[in-house]
Amino acid sequence: PFLFSPLYLKGEAQYYSGGGVDSASVKWLLQSKAEQRTQTFPQWPSYTFGGVQDANADHQEVLQSYTDELGLHRLEVTFEGQTSRPCPVKVHASLDLEDGQEVTDLSFVVHPHPLYVGLRLTSAAIRSADELDALAVEVVIVDA
């Protein structure tokens, strides 16, 4: 997913004999964690994408609700912010049922934009603007 585009999550509680569990408690925990990391893509191993992660990317949100008469709960999440780097997100969902609790986890990366610009040095160092031809630039389209 990308910033400012919705992501749809679904929790489902079903009886073993069939049919949905109505009014089961659903708890969603969404966490994003700022990381200082760079990213590489298999097709461009010598290019570096990314750098210092934005400090304001740390966030946690807890949402509580109940399943409907079909045993479903749907959640639409839109990621907003000022981050300029990919941000890893973890989702923890739990359904409280009469005979216990069902739990699932999901991890993914929210991309700030569908395009990345990567840089590669073709020599050990660049000392002046005259040597900028030693810098290669590549644009990558992310298929998230």
C-alpha atoms as a PDB file:
ATOM      1  CA  PRO A   1       0.000   0.000   0.000  1.00  0.00           C
ATOM      2  CA  PHE A   2       0.920   3.636  -0.455  1.00  0.00           C
ATOM      3  CA  LEU A   3       0.434   6.721   1.704  1.00  0.00           C
ATOM      4  CA  PHE A   4      -3.054   8.222   1.349  1.00  0.00           C
ATOM      5  CA  SER A   5      -4.467   5.097  -0.344  1.00  0.00           C
ATOM      6  CA  PRO A   6      -6.881   2.826   1.573  1.00  0.00           C
ATOM      7  CA  LEU A   7      -6.058  -0.691   2.719  1.00  0.00           C
ATOM      8  CA  TYR A   8      -8.925  -3.068   3.521  1.00  0.00           C
ATOM      9  CA  LEU A   9      -8.626  -5.601   6.351  1.00  0.00           C
ATOM     10  CA  LYS A  10     -11.188  -8.269   7.236  1.00  0.00           C
ATOM     11  CA  GLY A  11     -11.687 -10.325  10.370  1.00  0.00           C
ATOM     12  CA  GLU A  12     -13.978 -13.351  10.274  1.00  0.00           C
ATOM     13  CA  ALA A  13     -15.415 -15.601  12.988  1.00  0.00           C
ATOM     14  CA  GLN A  14     -17.170 -18.802  11.875  1.00  0.00           C
ATOM     15  CA  TYR A  15     -18.644 -21.733  13.787  1.00  0.00           C
ATOM     16  CA  TYR A  16     -17.096 -25.136  12.967  1.00  0.00           C
ATOM     17  CA  SER A  17     -20.541 -26.297  11.848  1.00  0.00           C
ATOM     18  CA  GLY A  18     -20.857 -23.239   9.584  1.00  0.00           C
ATOM     19  CA  GLY A  19     -22.359 -19.805   9.935  1.00  0.00           C
ATOM     20  CA  GLY A  20     -20.927 -16.590  11.307  1.00  0.00           C
ATOM     21  CA  VAL A  21     -20.385 -15.730  14.976  1.00  0.00           C
ATOM     22  CA  ASP A  22     -22.470 -12.598  15.581  1.00  0.00           C
ATOM     23  CA  SER A  23     -21.178  -9.903  17.981  1.00  0.00           C
ATOM     24  CA  ALA A  24     -17.745 -11.433  18.611  1.00  0.00           C
ATOM     25  CA  SER A  25     -15.329  -8.848  20.011  1.00  0.00           C
ATOM     26  CA  VAL A  26     -12.644  -7.793  17.507  1.00  0.00           C
ATOM     27  CA  LYS A  27      -9.494  -5.948  18.515  1.00  0.00           C
ATOM     28  CA  TRP A  28      -7.091  -4.490  15.946  1.00  0.00           C
ATOM     29  CA  LEU A  29      -3.602  -3.297  16.876  1.00  0.00           C
ATOM     30  CA  LEU A  30      -1.726  -1.420  14.139  1.00  0.00           C
ATOM     31  CA  GLN A  31       1.910  -0.418  14.697  1.00  0.00           C
ATOM     32  CA  SER A  32       4.372   1.420  12.511  1.00  0.00           C
ATOM     33  CA  LYS A  33       7.992   1.741  13.519  1.00  0.00           C
ATOM     34  CA  ALA A  34      10.536   4.199  12.162  1.00  0.00           C
ATOM     35  CA  GLU A  35      13.677   2.478  10.965  1.00  0.00           C
ATOM     36  CA  GLN A  36      16.912   3.733   9.581  1.00  0.00           C
ATOM     37  CA  ARG A  37      17.393   1.528   6.572  1.00  0.00           C
ATOM     38  CA  THR A  38      18.052   1.451   2.915  1.00  0.00           C
ATOM     39  CA  GLN A  39      16.296  -0.710   0.399  1.00  0.00           C
ATOM     40  CA  THR A  40      17.589  -2.662  -2.549  1.00  0.00           C
ATOM     41  CA  PHE A  41      15.712  -4.342  -5.361  1.00  0.00           C
ATOM     42  CA  PRO A  42      16.850  -7.650  -6.927  1.00  0.00           C
ATOM     43  CA  GLN A  43      17.045  -6.145 -10.429  1.00  0.00           C
ATOM     44  CA  TRP A  44      19.303  -3.272  -9.199  1.00  0.00           C
ATOM     45  CA  PRO A  45      21.637  -4.741  -6.526  1.00  0.00           C
ATOM     46  CA  SER A  46      24.282  -2.036  -6.941  1.00  0.00           C
ATOM     47  CA  TYR A  47      21.811   0.840  -6.369  1.00  0.00           C
ATOM     48  CA  THR A  48      20.857   2.189  -2.934  1.00  0.00           C
ATOM     49  CA  PHE A  49      17.328   3.444  -2.271  1.00  0.00           C
ATOM     50  CA  GLY A  50      16.385   5.213   0.952  1.00  0.00           C
ATOM     51  CA  GLY A  51      18.384   6.491   3.879  1.00  0.00           C
ATOM     52  CA  VAL A  52      17.489   7.990   7.248  1.00  0.00           C
ATOM     53  CA  GLN A  53      13.928   7.189   8.319  1.00  0.00           C
ATOM     54  CA  ASP A  54      11.637   9.973   9.484  1.00  0.00           C
ATOM     55  CA  ALA A  55      11.350  10.021  13.272  1.00  0.00           C
ATOM     56  CA  ASN A  56       7.605  10.793  13.169  1.00  0.00           C
ATOM     57  CA  ALA A  57       6.786   7.415  11.591  1.00  0.00           C
ATOM     58  CA  ASP A  58       6.386   5.705  15.018  1.00  0.00           C
ATOM     59  CA  HIS A  59       2.693   5.190  15.637  1.00  0.00           C
ATOM     60  CA  GLN A  60       0.330   2.778  17.352  1.00  0.00           C
ATOM     61  CA  GLU A  61      -3.433   2.550  17.036  1.00  0.00           C
ATOM     62  CA  VAL A  62      -5.856   0.225  18.868  1.00  0.00           C
ATOM     63  CA  LEU A  63      -9.372  -0.238  17.489  1.00  0.00           C
ATOM     64  CA  GLN A  64     -12.168  -2.255  19.097  1.00  0.00           C
ATOM     65  CA  SER A  65     -15.410  -3.425  17.474  1.00  0.00           C
ATOM     66  CA  TYR A  66     -17.717  -6.435  16.945  1.00  0.00           C
ATOM     67  CA  THR A  67     -18.492  -8.829  14.108  1.00  0.00           C
ATOM     68  CA  ASP A  68     -21.741  -8.476  12.189  1.00  0.00           C
ATOM     69  CA  GLU A  69     -24.446 -11.157  11.755  1.00  0.00           C
ATOM     70  CA  LEU A  70     -22.258 -12.919   9.154  1.00  0.00           C
ATOM     71  CA  GLY A  71     -19.313 -13.068  11.562  1.00  0.00           C
ATOM     72  CA  LEU A  72     -17.379 -10.386   9.660  1.00  0.00           C
ATOM     73  CA  HIS A  73     -15.673  -7.175  10.611  1.00  0.00           C
ATOM     74  CA  ARG A  74     -14.122  -4.989   7.949  1.00  0.00           C
ATOM     75  CA  LEU A  75     -11.629  -2.213   8.574  1.00  0.00           C
ATOM     76  CA  GLU A  76     -10.535   0.442   6.103  1.00  0.00           C
ATOM     77  CA  VAL A  77      -7.163   1.975   6.970  1.00  0.00           C
ATOM     78  CA  THR A  78      -5.662   4.982   5.199  1.00  0.00           C
ATOM     79  CA  PHE A  79      -2.054   5.763   6.037  1.00  0.00           C
ATOM     80  CA  GLU A  80      -1.289   9.453   6.338  1.00  0.00           C
ATOM     81  CA  GLY A  81       1.821  11.349   7.301  1.00  0.00           C
ATOM     82  CA  GLN A  82       4.914  13.152   6.164  1.00  0.00           C
ATOM     83  CA  THR A  83       7.242  10.162   5.840  1.00  0.00           C
ATOM     84  CA  SER A  84       9.490  10.089   2.810  1.00  0.00           C
ATOM     85  CA  ARG A  85      10.718   6.511   3.340  1.00  0.00           C
ATOM     86  CA  PRO A  86       9.040   3.082   3.293  1.00  0.00           C
ATOM     87  CA  CYS A  87       7.529   2.326   6.695  1.00  0.00           C
ATOM     88  CA  PRO A  88       7.045  -1.216   8.029  1.00  0.00           C
ATOM     89  CA  VAL A  89       3.623  -1.846   9.581  1.00  0.00           C
ATOM     90  CA  LYS A  90       2.442  -4.719  11.787  1.00  0.00           C
ATOM     91  CA  VAL A  91      -1.219  -5.594  12.276  1.00  0.00           C
ATOM     92  CA  HIS A  92      -2.349  -7.828  15.133  1.00  0.00           C
ATOM     93  CA  ALA A  93      -6.010  -8.885  15.086  1.00  0.00           C
ATOM     94  CA  SER A  94      -7.780 -10.881  17.791  1.00  0.00           C
ATOM     95  CA  LEU A  95     -11.326 -12.226  17.912  1.00  0.00           C
ATOM     96  CA  ASP A  96     -12.732 -13.157  21.319  1.00  0.00           C
ATOM     97  CA  LEU A  97     -14.956 -16.228  20.990  1.00  0.00           C
ATOM     98  CA  GLU A  98     -16.871 -18.347  23.513  1.00  0.00           C
ATOM     99  CA  ASP A  99     -14.314 -21.162  23.312  1.00  0.00           C
ATOM    100  CA  GLY A 100     -11.165 -19.029  23.185  1.00  0.00           C
ATOM    101  CA  GLN A 101      -9.445 -16.442  21.102  1.00  0.00           C
ATOM    102  CA  GLU A 102      -8.428 -16.441  17.442  1.00  0.00           C
ATOM    103  CA  VAL A 103      -5.332 -14.368  16.684  1.00  0.00           C
ATOM    104  CA  THR A 104      -3.574 -13.445  13.453  1.00  0.00           C
ATOM    105  CA  ASP A 105      -0.666 -11.197  12.510  1.00  0.00           C
ATOM    106  CA  LEU A 106       0.170  -9.426   9.274  1.00  0.00           C
ATOM    107  CA  SER A 107       3.236  -7.398   8.275  1.00  0.00           C
ATOM    108  CA  PHE A 108       3.755  -5.184   5.247  1.00  0.00           C
ATOM    109  CA  VAL A 109       5.494  -2.008   4.103  1.00  0.00           C
ATOM    110  CA  VAL A 110       3.697   1.264   3.367  1.00  0.00           C
ATOM    111  CA  HIS A 111       5.419   3.069   0.514  1.00  0.00           C
ATOM    112  CA  PRO A 112       5.347   6.880   0.401  1.00  0.00           C
ATOM    113  CA  HIS A 113       5.186   6.913  -3.392  1.00  0.00           C
ATOM    114  CA  PRO A 114       5.060   4.370  -6.242  1.00  0.00           C
ATOM    115  CA  LEU A 115       8.413   5.642  -7.593  1.00  0.00           C
ATOM    116  CA  TYR A 116      11.888   5.400  -6.041  1.00  0.00           C
ATOM    117  CA  VAL A 117      15.052   7.099  -7.197  1.00  0.00           C
ATOM    118  CA  GLY A 118      18.206   5.065  -6.616  1.00  0.00           C
ATOM    119  CA  LEU A 119      21.809   6.235  -6.725  1.00  0.00           C
ATOM    120  CA  ARG A 120      24.948   4.277  -7.592  1.00  0.00           C
ATOM    121  CA  LEU A 121      28.531   5.500  -7.530  1.00  0.00           C
ATOM    122  CA  THR A 122      30.556   4.276 -10.487  1.00  0.00           C
ATOM    123  CA  SER A 123      33.805   5.316  -8.765  1.00  0.00           C
ATOM    124  CA  ALA A 124      34.995   5.294  -5.145  1.00  0.00           C
ATOM    125  CA  ALA A 125      34.236   8.992  -4.500  1.00  0.00           C
ATOM    126  CA  ILE A 126      33.011  12.216  -6.076  1.00  0.00           C
ATOM    127  CA  ARG A 127      35.245  15.182  -5.225  1.00  0.00           C
ATOM    128  CA  SER A 128      33.756  17.923  -7.400  1.00  0.00           C
ATOM    129  CA  ALA A 129      30.793  18.710  -9.623  1.00  0.00           C
ATOM    130  CA  ASP A 130      32.973  17.856 -12.609  1.00  0.00           C
ATOM    131  CA  GLU A 131      32.928  14.218 -11.489  1.00  0.00           C
ATOM    132  CA  LEU A 132      29.122  13.872 -11.322  1.00  0.00           C
ATOM    133  CA  ASP A 133      29.238  11.553 -14.310  1.00  0.00           C
ATOM    134  CA  ALA A 134      30.388   8.943 -11.751  1.00  0.00           C
ATOM    135  CA  LEU A 135      26.875   8.998 -10.304  1.00  0.00           C
ATOM    136  CA  ALA A 136      24.220   6.779 -11.919  1.00  0.00           C
ATOM    137  CA  VAL A 137      20.508   7.359 -11.250  1.00  0.00           C
ATOM    138  CA  GLU A 138      17.700   4.811 -11.636  1.00  0.00           C
ATOM    139  CA  VAL A 139      13.933   5.211 -11.146  1.00  0.00           C
ATOM    140  CA  VAL A 140      12.035   2.125  -9.949  1.00  0.00           C
ATOM    141  CA  ILE A 141       8.255   1.667 -10.028  1.00  0.00           C
ATOM    142  CA  VAL A 142       6.997  -0.193  -6.961  1.00  0.00           C
ATOM    143  CA  ASP A 143       4.196  -2.689  -7.547  1.00  0.00           C
ATOM    144  CA  ALA A 144       2.728  -2.760  -4.056  1.00  0.00           C
END
